[in-house]
Amino acid sequence: MIVDFYCARPRIVLEIDGAAHESTAAKERDLARDRLLEARGIRVVRLRNEEANQTNIQNALRALLPAPPSPHGGEGDRG
């Protein structure tokens, strides 16, 4: 299976969809494909071509990834 972008460690696929993905048949194929990937533990993020900019991609991925640890340590950790 070919995907647009794959990040292995967090197991996330990023798909950038153009006009070819707008028909009912294409949407059904995309949904079936997403379910197949998700059944294998891979999360799928889809953005339309016109939405695919750095900010939108970062926001979509941040929603799926755990927050990074605080550089100041946890509560009660005074080093």
Protein backbone atom coordinates (compact mmCIF):
# COMPACT_ATOMS: atom_id res chain seq x y z
CA MET A 1 0.00 0.00 0.00
CA ILE A 2 1.35 3.43 -0.92
CA VAL A 3 0.69 6.48 1.26
CA ASP A 4 1.71 10.09 0.86
CA PHE A 5 3.72 10.35 4.11
CA TYR A 6 4.40 7.86 6.90
CA CYS A 7 5.99 8.52 10.26
CA ALA A 8 7.04 5.13 11.66
CA ARG A 9 7.57 5.73 15.37
CA PRO A 10 4.16 7.24 16.14
CA ARG A 11 2.60 5.15 13.32
CA ILE A 12 0.85 8.02 11.56
CA VAL A 13 -0.01 8.36 7.88
CA LEU A 14 -0.55 11.81 6.41
CA GLU A 15 -2.62 11.91 3.24
CA ILE A 16 -2.89 15.06 1.15
CA ASP A 17 -6.02 14.73 -0.97
CA GLY A 18 -6.76 16.52 -4.21
CA ALA A 19 -9.81 16.61 -6.45
CA ALA A 20 -9.46 12.91 -7.28
CA HIS A 21 -10.67 12.13 -3.73
CA GLU A 22 -13.95 14.09 -3.98
CA SER A 23 -16.20 11.55 -5.71
CA THR A 24 -18.42 9.26 -3.67
CA ALA A 25 -16.53 6.19 -4.93
CA ALA A 26 -13.16 7.72 -4.01
CA LYS A 27 -14.41 8.67 -0.55
CA GLU A 28 -15.59 5.09 -0.01
CA ARG A 29 -12.20 3.71 -1.12
CA ASP A 30 -10.40 6.17 1.16
CA LEU A 31 -12.58 5.18 4.11
CA ALA A 32 -11.96 1.46 3.51
CA ARG A 33 -8.23 2.12 3.21
CA ASP A 34 -8.20 4.20 6.40
CA ARG A 35 -9.97 1.38 8.25
CA LEU A 36 -7.41 -1.12 6.97
CA LEU A 37 -4.53 1.05 8.18
CA GLU A 38 -6.21 1.75 11.52
CA ALA A 39 -6.78 -2.00 12.03
CA ARG A 40 -2.99 -2.28 11.87
CA GLY A 41 -2.52 0.41 14.50
CA ILE A 42 -1.74 3.21 12.07
CA ARG A 43 -3.57 6.50 12.52
CA VAL A 44 -4.53 8.43 9.39
CA VAL A 45 -4.65 12.21 8.99
CA ARG A 46 -6.23 13.56 5.82
CA LEU A 47 -5.94 17.13 4.60
CA ARG A 48 -7.15 18.62 1.36
CA ASN A 49 -4.49 20.09 -0.92
CA GLU A 50 -5.58 23.63 -0.12
CA GLU A 51 -5.35 22.92 3.64
CA ALA A 52 -1.88 21.37 3.45
CA ASN A 53 0.36 23.98 4.96
CA GLN A 54 2.86 23.76 7.79
CA THR A 55 0.50 25.12 10.44
CA ASN A 56 -2.39 22.77 9.59
CA ILE A 57 -0.11 19.75 9.36
CA GLN A 58 1.51 20.56 12.72
CA ASN A 59 -1.89 21.08 14.37
CA ALA A 60 -3.26 17.81 12.98
CA LEU A 61 -0.22 15.85 14.16
CA ARG A 62 -0.13 17.55 17.58
CA ALA A 63 -3.69 16.38 18.16
CA LEU A 64 -2.49 12.78 17.79
CA LEU A 65 0.86 12.94 19.56
CA PRO A 66 1.44 13.02 23.32
CA ALA A 67 2.61 16.31 24.76
CA PRO A 68 6.38 16.52 25.18
CA PRO A 69 7.67 16.39 28.76
CA SER A 70 8.04 19.70 30.54
CA PRO A 71 11.64 20.98 30.56
CA HIS A 72 11.04 21.98 34.20
CA GLY A 73 10.17 18.48 35.44
CA GLY A 74 6.97 17.31 37.06
CA GLU A 75 5.15 18.74 40.02
CA GLY A 76 7.22 18.42 43.16
CA ASP A 77 10.42 17.84 41.18
CA ARG A 78 12.77 20.55 42.34
CA GLY A 79 15.90 18.86 41.02
